[in-house]
Structures are given as C-alpha cells and as structure tokens.
C-alpha atoms as a PDB file:
ATOM      1  CA  MET A   1     121.882 122.396 138.206  1.00  0.00           C
ATOM      2  CA  LYS A   2     122.730 119.056 136.581  1.00  0.00           C
ATOM      3  CA  LYS A   3     119.312 117.627 137.568  1.00  0.00           C
ATOM      4  CA  LEU A   4     117.577 120.682 136.109  1.00  0.00           C
ATOM      5  CA  THR A   5     119.434 120.284 132.791  1.00  0.00           C
ATOM      6  CA  ILE A   6     118.511 116.589 132.565  1.00  0.00           C
ATOM      7  CA  LEU A   7     114.882 117.360 133.447  1.00  0.00           C
ATOM      8  CA  ALA A   8     114.747 120.089 130.764  1.00  0.00           C
ATOM      9  CA  ALA A   9     116.171 117.681 128.172  1.00  0.00           C
ATOM     10  CA  ILE A  10     113.557 115.046 129.054  1.00  0.00           C
ATOM     11  CA  VAL A  11     110.731 117.586 128.777  1.00  0.00           C
ATOM     12  CA  VAL A  12     111.995 118.776 125.365  1.00  0.00           C
ATOM     13  CA  LEU A  13     112.262 115.199 124.079  1.00  0.00           C
ATOM     14  CA  PHE A  14     108.795 114.386 125.397  1.00  0.00           C
ATOM     15  CA  PHE A  15     107.138 117.310 123.619  1.00  0.00           C
ATOM     16  CA  ALA A  16     109.159 116.776 120.444  1.00  0.00           C
ATOM     17  CA  GLY A  17     107.946 113.167 120.356  1.00  0.00           C
ATOM     18  CA  CYS A  18     104.296 114.249 120.609  1.00  0.00           C
ATOM     19  CA  HIS A  19     104.395 116.187 117.341  1.00  0.00           C
ATOM     20  CA  ARG A  20     103.800 113.690 114.522  1.00  0.00           C
ATOM     21  CA  LYS A  21     105.726 114.542 111.366  1.00  0.00           C
ATOM     22  CA  ALA A  22     105.039 113.114 107.907  1.00  0.00           C
ATOM     23  CA  ALA A  23     107.134 110.068 107.094  1.00  0.00           C
ATOM     24  CA  LYS A  24     110.100 110.520 104.793  1.00  0.00           C
ATOM     25  CA  GLU A  25     112.368 108.150 102.888  1.00  0.00           C
ATOM     26  CA  GLY A  26     114.383 106.015 105.286  1.00  0.00           C
ATOM     27  CA  ASP A  27     112.059 106.881 108.189  1.00  0.00           C
ATOM     28  CA  PHE A  28     111.452 103.435 109.643  1.00  0.00           C
ATOM     29  CA  THR A  29     112.847 101.119 112.255  1.00  0.00           C
ATOM     30  CA  VAL A  30     113.831  97.466 112.286  1.00  0.00           C
ATOM     31  CA  LYS A  31     110.541  96.569 113.990  1.00  0.00           C
ATOM     32  CA  ASP A  32     108.655  97.909 110.929  1.00  0.00           C
ATOM     33  CA  VAL A  33     110.195  95.243 108.715  1.00  0.00           C
ATOM     34  CA  HIS A  34     108.344  91.940 108.900  1.00  0.00           C
ATOM     35  CA  ILE A  35     109.031  88.709 107.076  1.00  0.00           C
ATOM     36  CA  PRO A  36     105.602  88.044 105.520  1.00  0.00           C
ATOM     37  CA  GLN A  37     106.572  84.610 104.178  1.00  0.00           C
ATOM     38  CA  THR A  38     106.698  83.374 107.767  1.00  0.00           C
ATOM     39  CA  ALA A  39     103.584  85.243 108.923  1.00  0.00           C
ATOM     40  CA  GLU A  40     101.697  81.930 109.249  1.00  0.00           C
ATOM     41  CA  GLY A  41     103.751  81.362 112.398  1.00  0.00           C
ATOM     42  CA  LEU A  42     102.755  84.662 113.971  1.00  0.00           C
ATOM     43  CA  SER A  43     100.403  84.727 116.913  1.00  0.00           C
ATOM     44  CA  ALA A  44      97.066  86.456 116.396  1.00  0.00           C
ATOM     45  CA  LYS A  45      98.320  89.352 118.527  1.00  0.00           C
ATOM     46  CA  GLU A  46     101.474  89.753 116.383  1.00  0.00           C
ATOM     47  CA  ALA A  47      99.509  89.440 113.110  1.00  0.00           C
ATOM     48  CA  GLU A  48      97.172  92.243 114.225  1.00  0.00           C
ATOM     49  CA  LYS A  49     100.146  94.621 114.359  1.00  0.00           C
ATOM     50  CA  MET A  50     101.144  94.149 110.692  1.00  0.00           C
ATOM     51  CA  PRO A  51     100.454  96.779 108.025  1.00  0.00           C
ATOM     52  CA  VAL A  52      97.591  96.150 105.580  1.00  0.00           C
ATOM     53  CA  LEU A  53      97.834  97.360 101.965  1.00  0.00           C
ATOM     54  CA  GLU A  54      94.315  98.161 100.775  1.00  0.00           C
ATOM     55  CA  PHE A  55      93.893  99.385  97.165  1.00  0.00           C
ATOM     56  CA  GLU A  56      90.834 101.302  95.918  1.00  0.00           C
ATOM     57  CA  THR A  57      91.044  99.093  92.821  1.00  0.00           C
ATOM     58  CA  LYS A  58      93.574  96.519  91.612  1.00  0.00           C
ATOM     59  CA  THR A  59      92.674  96.791  87.929  1.00  0.00           C
ATOM     60  CA  TYR A  60      92.449  99.683  85.502  1.00  0.00           C
ATOM     61  CA  ASP A  61      91.340  99.715  81.855  1.00  0.00           C
ATOM     62  CA  PHE A  62      92.780 102.482  79.661  1.00  0.00           C
ATOM     63  CA  GLY A  63      90.157 101.581  77.025  1.00  0.00           C
ATOM     64  CA  ASP A  64      90.832 102.265  73.344  1.00  0.00           C
ATOM     65  CA  VAL A  65      94.390 103.479  72.791  1.00  0.00           C
ATOM     66  CA  ILE A  66      96.266 104.542  69.665  1.00  0.00           C
ATOM     67  CA  GLU A  67      99.615 102.781  69.317  1.00  0.00           C
ATOM     68  CA  GLY A  68     102.444 104.996  70.552  1.00  0.00           C
ATOM     69  CA  GLU A  69     100.479 106.725  73.328  1.00  0.00           C
ATOM     70  CA  ARG A  70     102.006 106.855  76.824  1.00  0.00           C
ATOM     71  CA  LEU A  71      99.346 106.577  79.496  1.00  0.00           C
ATOM     72  CA  THR A  72      99.579 106.963  83.260  1.00  0.00           C
ATOM     73  CA  TYR A  73      97.353 105.835  86.110  1.00  0.00           C
ATOM     74  CA  ALA A  74      97.733 106.191  89.880  1.00  0.00           C
ATOM     75  CA  PHE A  75      96.695 103.138  91.904  1.00  0.00           C
ATOM     76  CA  LYS A  76      95.588 104.646  95.220  1.00  0.00           C
ATOM     77  CA  PHE A  77      95.912 102.727  98.459  1.00  0.00           C
ATOM     78  CA  LYS A  78      95.676 103.099 102.214  1.00  0.00           C
ATOM     79  CA  ASN A  79      97.531 101.438 105.069  1.00  0.00           C
ATOM     80  CA  THR A  80      94.661 100.102 107.157  1.00  0.00           C
ATOM     81  CA  GLY A  81      96.998  98.139 109.431  1.00  0.00           C
ATOM     82  CA  LYS A  82      98.679  99.044 112.707  1.00  0.00           C
ATOM     83  CA  SER A  83     102.324  99.549 111.696  1.00  0.00           C
ATOM     84  CA  ASN A  84     104.293 101.341 108.985  1.00  0.00           C
ATOM     85  CA  LEU A  85     103.789 100.003 105.462  1.00  0.00           C
ATOM     86  CA  ILE A  86     106.981  99.638 103.435  1.00  0.00           C
ATOM     87  CA  ILE A  87     106.668  98.941  99.711  1.00  0.00           C
ATOM     88  CA  TYR A  88     110.015  97.452  98.748  1.00  0.00           C
ATOM     89  CA  SER A  89     109.295  96.596  95.103  1.00  0.00           C
ATOM     90  CA  SER A  90     106.904  97.352  92.284  1.00  0.00           C
ATOM     91  CA  GLU A  91     107.725  95.604  89.013  1.00  0.00           C
ATOM     92  CA  ALA A  92     105.831  95.207  85.744  1.00  0.00           C
ATOM     93  CA  ASN A  93     105.911  92.025  83.672  1.00  0.00           C
ATOM     94  CA  CYS A  94     107.321  93.809  80.597  1.00  0.00           C
ATOM     95  CA  GLY A  95     109.497  96.766  79.650  1.00  0.00           C
ATOM     96  CA  CYS A  96     106.603  98.773  78.195  1.00  0.00           C
ATOM     97  CA  THR A  97     105.189  99.373  81.688  1.00  0.00           C
ATOM     98  CA  THR A  98     106.893 101.139  84.579  1.00  0.00           C
ATOM     99  CA  SER A  99     105.764 101.818  88.122  1.00  0.00           C
ATOM    100  CA  GLN A 100     106.798 104.216  90.861  1.00  0.00           C
ATOM    101  CA  PRO A 101     105.901 103.270  94.435  1.00  0.00           C
ATOM    102  CA  PRO A 102     106.340 105.713  97.308  1.00  0.00           C
ATOM    103  CA  LYS A 103     109.822 105.624  98.837  1.00  0.00           C
ATOM    104  CA  ALA A 104     108.762 106.685 102.313  1.00  0.00           C
ATOM    105  CA  PRO A 105     106.932 104.405 104.740  1.00  0.00           C
ATOM    106  CA  ILE A 106     103.160 104.850 104.873  1.00  0.00           C
ATOM    107  CA  ARG A 107     101.991 105.215 108.455  1.00  0.00           C
ATOM    108  CA  PRO A 108      98.805 103.535 109.717  1.00  0.00           C
ATOM    109  CA  GLY A 109      95.739 105.367 108.384  1.00  0.00           C
ATOM    110  CA  GLU A 110      97.721 107.223 105.718  1.00  0.00           C
ATOM    111  CA  SER A 111      97.300 106.889 101.957  1.00  0.00           C
ATOM    112  CA  GLY A 112      99.628 106.720  98.994  1.00  0.00           C
ATOM    113  CA  GLU A 113      99.750 105.803  95.337  1.00  0.00           C
ATOM    114  CA  ILE A 114     101.715 103.743  92.878  1.00  0.00           C
ATOM    115  CA  ILE A 115     102.094 105.561  89.558  1.00  0.00           C
ATOM    116  CA  VAL A 116     101.970 103.190  86.570  1.00  0.00           C
ATOM    117  CA  THR A 117     102.942 104.289  83.049  1.00  0.00           C
ATOM    118  CA  PHE A 118     102.127 102.198  79.981  1.00  0.00           C
ATOM    119  CA  ASP A 119     103.880 102.844  76.650  1.00  0.00           C
ATOM    120  CA  SER A 120     101.729 101.388  73.867  1.00  0.00           C
ATOM    121  CA  LYS A 121     104.476 101.647  71.228  1.00  0.00           C
ATOM    122  CA  GLY A 122     104.814  98.253  69.526  1.00  0.00           C
ATOM    123  CA  GLN A 123     101.637  96.895  71.164  1.00  0.00           C
ATOM    124  CA  LYS A 124      98.568  95.669  69.236  1.00  0.00           C
ATOM    125  CA  GLY A 125      95.101  94.432  70.177  1.00  0.00           C
ATOM    126  CA  ASP A 126      93.982  93.536  73.681  1.00  0.00           C
ATOM    127  CA  VAL A 127      96.843  94.097  76.120  1.00  0.00           C
ATOM    128  CA  GLN A 128      97.124  93.062  79.779  1.00  0.00           C
ATOM    129  CA  LYS A 129     100.069  94.042  81.956  1.00  0.00           C
ATOM    130  CA  ARG A 130     100.706  92.984  85.547  1.00  0.00           C
ATOM    131  CA  ILE A 131     102.509  94.941  88.231  1.00  0.00           C
ATOM    132  CA  LEU A 132     103.779  92.875  91.162  1.00  0.00           C
ATOM    133  CA  VAL A 133     103.914  94.912  94.374  1.00  0.00           C
ATOM    134  CA  GLY A 134     106.057  93.643  97.260  1.00  0.00           C
ATOM    135  CA  ALA A 135     105.481  94.997 100.765  1.00  0.00           C
ATOM    136  CA  ASN A 136     105.934  94.105 104.421  1.00  0.00           C
ATOM    137  CA  THR A 137     102.384  92.723 104.499  1.00  0.00           C
ATOM    138  CA  TYR A 138     100.841  89.268 104.537  1.00  0.00           C
ATOM    139  CA  PRO A 139     100.647  88.119 101.845  1.00  0.00           C
ATOM    140  CA  ALA A 140     103.848  89.851 100.774  1.00  0.00           C
ATOM    141  CA  GLU A 141     102.801  90.349  97.139  1.00  0.00           C
ATOM    142  CA  THR A 142      99.826  92.029  95.506  1.00  0.00           C
ATOM    143  CA  ILE A 143      99.115  91.980  91.766  1.00  0.00           C
ATOM    144  CA  LEU A 144      97.840  95.095  90.005  1.00  0.00           C
ATOM    145  CA  MET A 145      96.573  94.879  86.408  1.00  0.00           C
ATOM    146  CA  ILE A 146      96.225  97.382  83.577  1.00  0.00           C
ATOM    147  CA  THR A 147      94.473  96.637  80.296  1.00  0.00           C
ATOM    148  CA  ALA A 148      94.035  98.456  77.004  1.00  0.00           C
ATOM    149  CA  LYS A 149      92.847  97.842  73.460  1.00  0.00           C
ATOM    150  CA  VAL A 150      95.628  99.168  71.224  1.00  0.00           C
ATOM    151  CA  SER A 151      94.980 100.013  67.582  1.00  0.00           C
ATOM    152  CA  SER A 152      96.880 101.727  64.780  1.00  0.00           C
ATOM    153  CA  SER A 153      94.344 104.572  64.610  1.00  0.00           C
ATOM    154  CA  LYS A 154      90.993 105.549  66.096  1.00  0.00           C
END
C-alpha cells in the first residue's frame, strides 16, 4: 500500500510538472539570477543559457506635444534567450518620466512590455529622456529613449 501511495504521488507530480503555467511575480529560482557583470568569464555553453532582452524598438518619438500633456508608450520586447528574463530595474533620468517593467519573470519565447509615461509639464523645446533598464542579461543594462518637441500651444 505504501509503495502504491508513493507511486501515485510521483505520477501526480510528473503530470503537474508537464502543464506549463504563466509566470507570476516571484516565480523564479536562484539559477535564473545571473551576474551579468561577470559574464565575460562564462563559458560559451553557459553564455548560451542566459536570457536575451530583445526590444522591437529602443527609441520612440512622441512628436509635437503641447506642454502639460501626459503621454504613454509601451516598449515591447521578447525574451529570445534560453532562461527566465528578470527585469530588476527600470529608471528614467528625470522625474517627469516614469516606467513600469513587468514584475514577473519572462520565460524564453515570451513577450512583455515596459510602460513609459512622460509628463511634459514644465518642459520646452526638443526633449530627450532616457530609461535605463537593468536585467539578468549580458550586458546587464539597456537604454531606451523617448523624444518629443514640446511647445506652449499647437
């Protein structure tokens, strides 16, 4: 009877592991976290296993904007690597721009987006804002850029 119970538990765990659920916040293991700054020392085989953060575009131009407008853009990306992608930071170079990266890991082959909001209040003329994205990739940081031409009126 004891052997049958253990066998049943193994079968249940096996089939439960075959069903792939969507990742959720906190759904990663220690092996998903790499130290990209030391990736130069990785063997080719180890480097192949790292996640790869591939953006559709790294720049976006809002065009002509009236001062005071709040504008939002979603930078879309895909993990083209072979392990879970973890975005641990996404920071703009000024307080007028905010960004929201996904909190859950992005599995290999899956896509995500970083939502960037620009508040043009107090801005004038040609504006460029950088968003520095930190992830468990090599290199560890990617720069996104938004631009706009802000005027008092159209």
